[in-house]
Amino acid sequence: MLTSNHVRRTGLVVEDDADLRSLMVELLDETGMETMECDSAEAALALMLIYGRKIVVVLTDVQLPGPMDGLDFAREIKLRWPSLPVVLTSGHGGERLAGLPSNCIFLPKPWRGEEIVKLVEQALALADRRTPYGR
């Protein structure tokens, strides 16, 4: 699916499990999006700083290797790109997830592919309505 202005948008997948990351990338590909992928929040943040305007949705696991987990990453995104949608996934709930930033949606594992596709399509619709400075 292309956006109404025919600009391909990008989704960023941040997941340390290579098989699950590949599945998420395939699901984004099915929506017609370009994809970028990382296995850590630190690598993802570096990509965001370079390609931030192209990225319209971030899918990230909560538990990631390194000093920054997915929740910390989502909070950093909220500070820098306040309207950028973030889908957080995890097999574990917990008190830390109670105070999610307003741009975040929590999707518990195991999730179904259709759920990811639906959330991505919603993000594409929101991206079409954003102004160039609307992040």
N, C-alpha and C. Protein backbone atom coordinates (compact mmCIF):
# COMPACT_ATOMS: atom_id res chain seq x y z
N MET A 1 0.84 -1.18 0.00
CA MET A 1 0.00 0.00 0.00
C MET A 1 0.88 1.24 0.00
N LEU A 2 0.64 2.16 -0.89
CA LEU A 2 1.37 3.42 -0.92
C LEU A 2 0.53 4.49 -0.27
N THR A 3 1.19 5.49 0.28
CA THR A 3 0.45 6.58 0.87
C THR A 3 -0.13 7.44 -0.23
N SER A 4 -1.06 8.31 0.14
CA SER A 4 -1.79 9.08 -0.87
C SER A 4 -0.89 10.00 -1.68
N ASN A 5 0.24 10.42 -1.13
CA ASN A 5 1.14 11.26 -1.92
C ASN A 5 2.21 10.43 -2.63
N HIS A 6 2.05 9.12 -2.65
CA HIS A 6 2.90 8.17 -3.37
C HIS A 6 4.35 8.17 -2.91
N VAL A 7 4.59 8.55 -1.68
CA VAL A 7 5.91 8.46 -1.09
C VAL A 7 5.93 7.21 -0.23
N ARG A 8 6.87 6.33 -0.50
CA ARG A 8 6.96 5.13 0.33
C ARG A 8 7.45 5.52 1.71
N ARG A 9 6.77 5.02 2.70
CA ARG A 9 7.13 5.31 4.08
C ARG A 9 7.87 4.12 4.67
N THR A 10 8.58 4.37 5.75
CA THR A 10 9.44 3.37 6.34
C THR A 10 8.99 3.01 7.74
N GLY A 11 9.04 1.72 8.03
CA GLY A 11 8.81 1.22 9.37
C GLY A 11 10.12 0.70 9.93
N LEU A 12 10.33 0.93 11.20
CA LEU A 12 11.54 0.48 11.88
C LEU A 12 11.18 -0.64 12.85
N VAL A 13 11.84 -1.78 12.70
CA VAL A 13 11.62 -2.94 13.57
C VAL A 13 12.85 -3.11 14.46
N VAL A 14 12.61 -3.14 15.77
CA VAL A 14 13.69 -3.31 16.74
C VAL A 14 13.37 -4.53 17.59
N GLU A 15 14.09 -5.60 17.32
CA GLU A 15 13.82 -6.89 17.97
C GLU A 15 15.12 -7.68 17.98
N ASP A 16 15.51 -8.23 19.14
CA ASP A 16 16.76 -8.97 19.21
C ASP A 16 16.62 -10.42 18.77
N ASP A 17 15.42 -10.96 18.70
CA ASP A 17 15.19 -12.31 18.21
C ASP A 17 15.13 -12.24 16.67
N ALA A 18 16.13 -12.80 16.00
CA ALA A 18 16.26 -12.66 14.54
C ALA A 18 15.05 -13.23 13.80
N ASP A 19 14.51 -14.36 14.25
CA ASP A 19 13.36 -14.95 13.57
C ASP A 19 12.12 -14.07 13.69
N LEU A 20 11.89 -13.56 14.89
CA LEU A 20 10.74 -12.70 15.10
C LEU A 20 10.91 -11.37 14.35
N ARG A 21 12.12 -10.85 14.35
CA ARG A 21 12.41 -9.62 13.60
C ARG A 21 12.13 -9.83 12.11
N SER A 22 12.54 -10.95 11.56
CA SER A 22 12.28 -11.26 10.15
C SER A 22 10.78 -11.33 9.86
N LEU A 23 10.03 -11.94 10.76
CA LEU A 23 8.58 -12.02 10.59
C LEU A 23 7.96 -10.62 10.59
N MET A 24 8.38 -9.78 11.51
CA MET A 24 7.84 -8.42 11.58
C MET A 24 8.18 -7.63 10.31
N VAL A 25 9.38 -7.82 9.81
CA VAL A 25 9.78 -7.15 8.55
C VAL A 25 8.91 -7.64 7.40
N GLU A 26 8.66 -8.93 7.32
CA GLU A 26 7.78 -9.47 6.27
C GLU A 26 6.39 -8.87 6.35
N LEU A 27 5.86 -8.71 7.58
CA LEU A 27 4.54 -8.13 7.74
C LEU A 27 4.51 -6.67 7.27
N LEU A 28 5.56 -5.93 7.57
CA LEU A 28 5.63 -4.54 7.09
C LEU A 28 5.75 -4.51 5.58
N ASP A 29 6.52 -5.42 5.02
CA ASP A 29 6.66 -5.49 3.56
C ASP A 29 5.31 -5.73 2.89
N GLU A 30 4.46 -6.53 3.53
CA GLU A 30 3.13 -6.80 2.97
C GLU A 30 2.27 -5.55 2.86
N THR A 31 2.54 -4.55 3.70
CA THR A 31 1.78 -3.30 3.64
C THR A 31 2.34 -2.34 2.60
N GLY A 32 3.44 -2.73 1.95
CA GLY A 32 4.06 -1.87 0.95
C GLY A 32 5.08 -0.91 1.52
N MET A 33 5.38 -1.05 2.79
CA MET A 33 6.35 -0.16 3.43
C MET A 33 7.77 -0.62 3.18
N GLU A 34 8.67 0.33 3.19
CA GLU A 34 10.08 0.00 3.29
C GLU A 34 10.34 -0.33 4.75
N THR A 35 11.38 -1.10 5.01
CA THR A 35 11.67 -1.43 6.40
C THR A 35 13.14 -1.24 6.71
N MET A 36 13.39 -0.92 7.95
CA MET A 36 14.72 -0.92 8.52
C MET A 36 14.62 -1.81 9.74
N GLU A 37 15.71 -2.44 10.11
CA GLU A 37 15.68 -3.32 11.26
C GLU A 37 16.95 -3.22 12.06
N CYS A 38 16.81 -3.39 13.37
CA CYS A 38 17.93 -3.36 14.32
C CYS A 38 17.68 -4.37 15.41
N ASP A 39 18.75 -4.72 16.11
CA ASP A 39 18.58 -5.64 17.24
C ASP A 39 18.78 -4.95 18.58
N SER A 40 18.99 -3.62 18.58
CA SER A 40 19.14 -2.90 19.84
C SER A 40 18.55 -1.50 19.71
N ALA A 41 18.18 -0.94 20.84
CA ALA A 41 17.62 0.42 20.85
C ALA A 41 18.67 1.45 20.46
N GLU A 42 19.91 1.22 20.84
CA GLU A 42 20.97 2.18 20.52
C GLU A 42 21.18 2.28 19.00
N ALA A 43 21.22 1.12 18.32
CA ALA A 43 21.36 1.12 16.86
C ALA A 43 20.13 1.76 16.21
N ALA A 44 18.96 1.48 16.77
CA ALA A 44 17.72 2.05 16.22
C ALA A 44 17.69 3.56 16.38
N LEU A 45 18.13 4.06 17.51
CA LEU A 45 18.16 5.51 17.73
C LEU A 45 19.10 6.17 16.73
N ALA A 46 20.23 5.54 16.45
CA ALA A 46 21.16 6.09 15.44
C ALA A 46 20.47 6.18 14.08
N LEU A 47 19.73 5.14 13.68
CA LEU A 47 18.98 5.19 12.42
C LEU A 47 17.92 6.28 12.45
N MET A 48 17.25 6.42 13.58
CA MET A 48 16.21 7.44 13.71
C MET A 48 16.80 8.84 13.51
N LEU A 49 17.98 9.06 14.04
CA LEU A 49 18.59 10.38 13.91
C LEU A 49 18.95 10.69 12.46
N ILE A 50 19.25 9.66 11.69
CA ILE A 50 19.59 9.85 10.27
C ILE A 50 18.34 9.89 9.40
N TYR A 51 17.41 8.97 9.62
CA TYR A 51 16.26 8.79 8.73
C TYR A 51 14.92 9.14 9.38
N GLY A 52 14.92 9.85 10.48
CA GLY A 52 13.72 10.08 11.28
C GLY A 52 12.50 10.55 10.51
N ARG A 53 12.65 11.41 9.53
CA ARG A 53 11.49 11.93 8.79
C ARG A 53 10.81 10.87 7.93
N LYS A 54 11.56 9.87 7.47
CA LYS A 54 10.98 8.80 6.64
C LYS A 54 10.20 7.79 7.46
N ILE A 55 10.57 7.64 8.72
CA ILE A 55 9.99 6.58 9.56
C ILE A 55 8.63 7.02 10.07
N VAL A 56 7.62 6.17 9.82
CA VAL A 56 6.25 6.50 10.23
C VAL A 56 5.74 5.62 11.35
N VAL A 57 6.44 4.54 11.67
CA VAL A 57 6.05 3.68 12.77
C VAL A 57 7.28 2.90 13.24
N VAL A 58 7.32 2.67 14.54
CA VAL A 58 8.39 1.87 15.14
C VAL A 58 7.74 0.69 15.86
N LEU A 59 8.22 -0.50 15.57
CA LEU A 59 7.80 -1.71 16.28
C LEU A 59 9.00 -2.17 17.08
N THR A 60 8.85 -2.27 18.39
CA THR A 60 9.99 -2.65 19.22
C THR A 60 9.58 -3.59 20.34
N ASP A 61 10.47 -4.50 20.64
CA ASP A 61 10.31 -5.37 21.80
C ASP A 61 10.65 -4.54 23.03
N VAL A 62 10.08 -4.88 24.15
CA VAL A 62 10.42 -4.17 25.39
C VAL A 62 11.80 -4.62 25.87
N GLN A 63 12.05 -5.92 25.84
CA GLN A 63 13.32 -6.43 26.33
C GLN A 63 14.33 -6.49 25.19
N LEU A 64 15.34 -5.63 25.29
CA LEU A 64 16.39 -5.55 24.28
C LEU A 64 17.75 -5.58 24.98
N PRO A 65 18.78 -6.04 24.28
CA PRO A 65 20.11 -6.03 24.88
C PRO A 65 20.65 -4.60 24.95
N GLY A 66 21.56 -4.37 25.86
CA GLY A 66 22.18 -3.06 25.97
C GLY A 66 21.57 -2.23 27.08
N PRO A 67 22.09 -1.04 27.26
CA PRO A 67 21.64 -0.19 28.38
C PRO A 67 20.23 0.37 28.21
N MET A 68 19.73 0.47 26.99
CA MET A 68 18.41 1.04 26.73
C MET A 68 17.47 -0.08 26.29
N ASP A 69 16.36 -0.27 27.02
CA ASP A 69 15.39 -1.26 26.58
C ASP A 69 14.34 -0.59 25.70
N GLY A 70 13.36 -1.35 25.26
CA GLY A 70 12.35 -0.82 24.35
C GLY A 70 11.50 0.29 24.94
N LEU A 71 11.24 0.21 26.24
CA LEU A 71 10.45 1.25 26.90
C LEU A 71 11.25 2.55 26.99
N ASP A 72 12.52 2.45 27.33
CA ASP A 72 13.38 3.64 27.33
C ASP A 72 13.45 4.24 25.93
N PHE A 73 13.56 3.38 24.94
CA PHE A 73 13.60 3.83 23.54
C PHE A 73 12.31 4.54 23.16
N ALA A 74 11.18 3.99 23.56
CA ALA A 74 9.88 4.62 23.27
C ALA A 74 9.79 6.00 23.92
N ARG A 75 10.31 6.13 25.12
CA ARG A 75 10.30 7.44 25.79
C ARG A 75 11.19 8.44 25.06
N GLU A 76 12.32 7.97 24.58
CA GLU A 76 13.22 8.84 23.81
C GLU A 76 12.55 9.29 22.51
N ILE A 77 11.85 8.39 21.86
CA ILE A 77 11.11 8.74 20.64
C ILE A 77 10.07 9.80 20.96
N LYS A 78 9.36 9.63 22.06
CA LYS A 78 8.32 10.60 22.45
C LYS A 78 8.92 12.00 22.64
N LEU A 79 10.12 12.08 23.20
CA LEU A 79 10.78 13.37 23.39
C LEU A 79 11.18 14.02 22.06
N ARG A 80 11.72 13.21 21.16
CA ARG A 80 12.27 13.74 19.91
C ARG A 80 11.25 13.83 18.77
N TRP A 81 10.36 12.85 18.68
CA TRP A 81 9.35 12.77 17.62
C TRP A 81 8.00 12.47 18.28
N PRO A 82 7.38 13.46 18.92
CA PRO A 82 6.22 13.21 19.79
C PRO A 82 5.02 12.51 19.14
N SER A 83 4.81 12.68 17.85
CA SER A 83 3.63 12.07 17.24
C SER A 83 3.94 10.77 16.50
N LEU A 84 5.16 10.31 16.57
CA LEU A 84 5.54 9.07 15.89
C LEU A 84 4.99 7.86 16.66
N PRO A 85 4.15 7.04 16.02
CA PRO A 85 3.58 5.88 16.72
C PRO A 85 4.63 4.80 17.00
N VAL A 86 4.54 4.24 18.20
CA VAL A 86 5.43 3.16 18.62
C VAL A 86 4.57 2.00 19.09
N VAL A 87 4.84 0.82 18.55
CA VAL A 87 4.17 -0.39 19.00
C VAL A 87 5.19 -1.18 19.82
N LEU A 88 4.91 -1.32 21.11
CA LEU A 88 5.77 -2.08 22.02
C LEU A 88 5.19 -3.48 22.17
N THR A 89 6.05 -4.49 22.05
CA THR A 89 5.60 -5.86 22.25
C THR A 89 6.44 -6.51 23.34
N SER A 90 5.81 -7.43 24.06
CA SER A 90 6.53 -8.17 25.08
C SER A 90 5.69 -9.35 25.53
N GLY A 91 6.38 -10.38 25.95
CA GLY A 91 5.70 -11.52 26.54
C GLY A 91 5.48 -11.32 28.03
N HIS A 92 5.99 -10.21 28.55
CA HIS A 92 5.87 -9.90 29.98
C HIS A 92 5.20 -8.54 30.13
N GLY A 93 4.25 -8.46 31.02
CA GLY A 93 3.63 -7.18 31.34
C GLY A 93 4.50 -6.48 32.37
N GLY A 94 3.88 -5.98 33.37
CA GLY A 94 4.65 -5.39 34.46
C GLY A 94 4.26 -3.96 34.72
N GLU A 95 4.68 -3.50 35.89
CA GLU A 95 4.35 -2.15 36.33
C GLU A 95 4.96 -1.08 35.43
N ARG A 96 6.12 -1.34 34.87
CA ARG A 96 6.77 -0.34 34.02
C ARG A 96 5.91 0.03 32.82
N LEU A 97 5.05 -0.88 32.37
CA LEU A 97 4.22 -0.61 31.20
C LEU A 97 2.99 0.22 31.53
N ALA A 98 2.75 0.47 32.81
CA ALA A 98 1.57 1.24 33.21
C ALA A 98 1.64 2.69 32.74
N GLY A 99 2.83 3.25 32.65
CA GLY A 99 2.97 4.66 32.27
C GLY A 99 3.52 4.85 30.89
N LEU A 100 2.94 4.18 29.91
CA LEU A 100 3.43 4.30 28.53
C LEU A 100 3.23 5.72 28.00
N PRO A 101 4.18 6.22 27.20
CA PRO A 101 3.96 7.51 26.54
C PRO A 101 2.72 7.46 25.65
N SER A 102 2.13 8.60 25.39
CA SER A 102 0.86 8.67 24.66
C SER A 102 0.96 8.21 23.21
N ASN A 103 2.16 8.17 22.65
CA ASN A 103 2.33 7.72 21.28
C ASN A 103 2.52 6.21 21.17
N CYS A 104 2.41 5.49 22.30
CA CYS A 104 2.70 4.05 22.33
C CYS A 104 1.44 3.20 22.46
N ILE A 105 1.53 2.05 21.82
CA ILE A 105 0.52 1.01 21.94
C ILE A 105 1.25 -0.24 22.39
N PHE A 106 0.71 -0.92 23.41
CA PHE A 106 1.31 -2.16 23.87
C PHE A 106 0.56 -3.33 23.25
N LEU A 107 1.29 -4.21 22.60
CA LEU A 107 0.74 -5.40 21.98
C LEU A 107 1.42 -6.62 22.61
N PRO A 108 0.70 -7.36 23.47
CA PRO A 108 1.34 -8.48 24.15
C PRO A 108 1.66 -9.63 23.19
N LYS A 109 2.76 -10.31 23.49
CA LYS A 109 3.11 -11.52 22.76
C LYS A 109 2.41 -12.69 23.43
N PRO A 110 2.00 -13.66 22.70
CA PRO A 110 2.10 -13.77 21.24
C PRO A 110 1.02 -12.92 20.57
N TRP A 111 1.38 -12.26 19.50
CA TRP A 111 0.44 -11.48 18.71
C TRP A 111 0.21 -12.17 17.38
N ARG A 112 -0.81 -11.73 16.69
CA ARG A 112 -1.10 -12.27 15.35
C ARG A 112 -0.64 -11.27 14.30
N GLY A 113 -0.25 -11.77 13.17
CA GLY A 113 0.24 -10.92 12.09
C GLY A 113 -0.76 -9.84 11.69
N GLU A 114 -2.04 -10.21 11.72
CA GLU A 114 -3.07 -9.23 11.33
C GLU A 114 -3.07 -8.03 12.27
N GLU A 115 -2.75 -8.26 13.54
CA GLU A 115 -2.71 -7.16 14.50
C GLU A 115 -1.61 -6.16 14.15
N ILE A 116 -0.45 -6.67 13.78
CA ILE A 116 0.66 -5.81 13.39
C ILE A 116 0.29 -5.02 12.13
N VAL A 117 -0.25 -5.70 11.14
CA VAL A 117 -0.62 -5.05 9.88
C VAL A 117 -1.64 -3.94 10.13
N LYS A 118 -2.63 -4.19 10.96
CA LYS A 118 -3.65 -3.19 11.26
C LYS A 118 -3.03 -1.95 11.91
N LEU A 119 -2.15 -2.15 12.87
CA LEU A 119 -1.50 -1.02 13.54
C LEU A 119 -0.61 -0.23 12.58
N VAL A 120 0.07 -0.92 11.70
CA VAL A 120 0.92 -0.25 10.71
C VAL A 120 0.06 0.57 9.74
N GLU A 121 -1.05 0.02 9.31
CA GLU A 121 -1.93 0.76 8.40
C GLU A 121 -2.49 2.01 9.08
N GLN A 122 -2.78 1.92 10.37
CA GLN A 122 -3.22 3.10 11.11
C GLN A 122 -2.11 4.14 11.16
N ALA A 123 -0.87 3.69 11.35
CA ALA A 123 0.26 4.62 11.39
C ALA A 123 0.45 5.30 10.04
N LEU A 124 0.26 4.56 8.95
CA LEU A 124 0.37 5.17 7.62
C LEU A 124 -0.68 6.25 7.42
N ALA A 125 -1.90 5.99 7.89
CA ALA A 125 -2.96 6.99 7.77
C ALA A 125 -2.62 8.24 8.57
N LEU A 126 -2.06 8.08 9.75
CA LEU A 126 -1.64 9.22 10.55
C LEU A 126 -0.51 9.98 9.88
N ALA A 127 0.42 9.26 9.27
CA ALA A 127 1.56 9.90 8.61
C ALA A 127 1.10 10.77 7.46
N ASP A 128 0.06 10.36 6.76
CA ASP A 128 -0.45 11.15 5.63
C ASP A 128 -1.02 12.49 6.11
N ARG A 129 -1.47 12.53 7.34
CA ARG A 129 -2.07 13.76 7.86
C ARG A 129 -1.05 14.70 8.51
N ARG A 130 0.16 14.21 8.78
CA ARG A 130 1.18 15.03 9.43
C ARG A 130 1.74 16.07 8.47
N THR A 131 2.07 17.22 9.01
CA THR A 131 2.79 18.23 8.24
C THR A 131 4.27 17.88 8.28
N PRO A 132 5.08 18.48 7.42
CA PRO A 132 6.51 18.18 7.47
C PRO A 132 7.14 18.49 8.84
N TYR A 133 6.54 19.41 9.58
CA TYR A 133 7.10 19.77 10.89
C TYR A 133 6.25 19.23 12.03
N GLY A 134 5.34 18.32 11.72
CA GLY A 134 4.39 17.81 12.69
C GLY A 134 4.86 16.72 13.60
N ARG A 135 6.12 16.43 13.63
CA ARG A 135 6.63 15.40 14.53
C ARG A 135 6.82 16.00 15.86
